[in-house]
C-alpha atoms as a PDB file:
ATOM      1  CA  UNK A   1      91.277 147.381 104.573  1.00  0.00           C
ATOM      2  CA  UNK A   2      93.865 144.637 104.889  1.00  0.00           C
ATOM      3  CA  UNK A   3      93.502 144.621 108.670  1.00  0.00           C
ATOM      4  CA  UNK A   4      89.725 144.256 108.413  1.00  0.00           C
ATOM      5  CA  UNK A   5      89.989 141.358 105.982  1.00  0.00           C
ATOM      6  CA  UNK A   6      92.613 139.683 108.145  1.00  0.00           C
ATOM      7  CA  UNK A   7      90.450 140.092 111.247  1.00  0.00           C
ATOM      8  CA  UNK A   8      87.496 138.478 109.476  1.00  0.00           C
ATOM      9  CA  UNK A   9      89.705 135.649 108.244  1.00  0.00           C
ATOM     10  CA  UNK A  10      90.947 135.049 111.792  1.00  0.00           C
ATOM     11  CA  UNK A  11      87.373 134.859 113.103  1.00  0.00           C
ATOM     12  CA  UNK A  12      86.437 132.385 110.385  1.00  0.00           C
ATOM     13  CA  UNK A  13      89.548 130.348 111.109  1.00  0.00           C
ATOM     14  CA  UNK A  14      88.614 130.247 114.805  1.00  0.00           C
ATOM     15  CA  UNK A  15      85.207 128.860 113.826  1.00  0.00           C
ATOM     16  CA  UNK A  16      86.895 126.212 111.691  1.00  0.00           C
ATOM     17  CA  UNK A  17      89.196 125.189 114.532  1.00  0.00           C
ATOM     18  CA  UNK A  18      86.263 124.999 116.963  1.00  0.00           C
ATOM     19  CA  UNK A  19      84.100 123.023 114.542  1.00  0.00           C
ATOM     20  CA  UNK A  20      83.693 119.298 115.110  1.00  0.00           C
ATOM     21  CA  UNK A  21      83.636 118.769 111.343  1.00  0.00           C
ATOM     22  CA  UNK A  22      87.069 120.363 111.015  1.00  0.00           C
ATOM     23  CA  UNK A  23      88.089 118.657 107.778  1.00  0.00           C
ATOM     24  CA  UNK A  24      84.969 119.759 105.920  1.00  0.00           C
ATOM     25  CA  UNK A  25      85.068 123.289 107.334  1.00  0.00           C
ATOM     26  CA  UNK A  26      88.772 123.627 106.540  1.00  0.00           C
ATOM     27  CA  UNK A  27      88.182 122.624 102.925  1.00  0.00           C
ATOM     28  CA  UNK A  28      85.451 125.272 102.665  1.00  0.00           C
ATOM     29  CA  UNK A  29      87.744 127.846 104.302  1.00  0.00           C
ATOM     30  CA  UNK A  30      90.632 127.085 101.947  1.00  0.00           C
ATOM     31  CA  UNK A  31      88.319 127.141  98.934  1.00  0.00           C
ATOM     32  CA  UNK A  32      87.038 130.551  99.984  1.00  0.00           C
ATOM     33  CA  UNK A  33      90.419 132.062 100.799  1.00  0.00           C
ATOM     34  CA  UNK A  34      92.900 130.049  98.722  1.00  0.00           C
END
């Protein structure tokens, strides 16, 4: 379970890092996982 959640989080983080609007995406990511 933990591995699956971590894997999903990594994929979402990759999308954030690849996004041109990094600041906005990062805020959304932190809000969803903080």
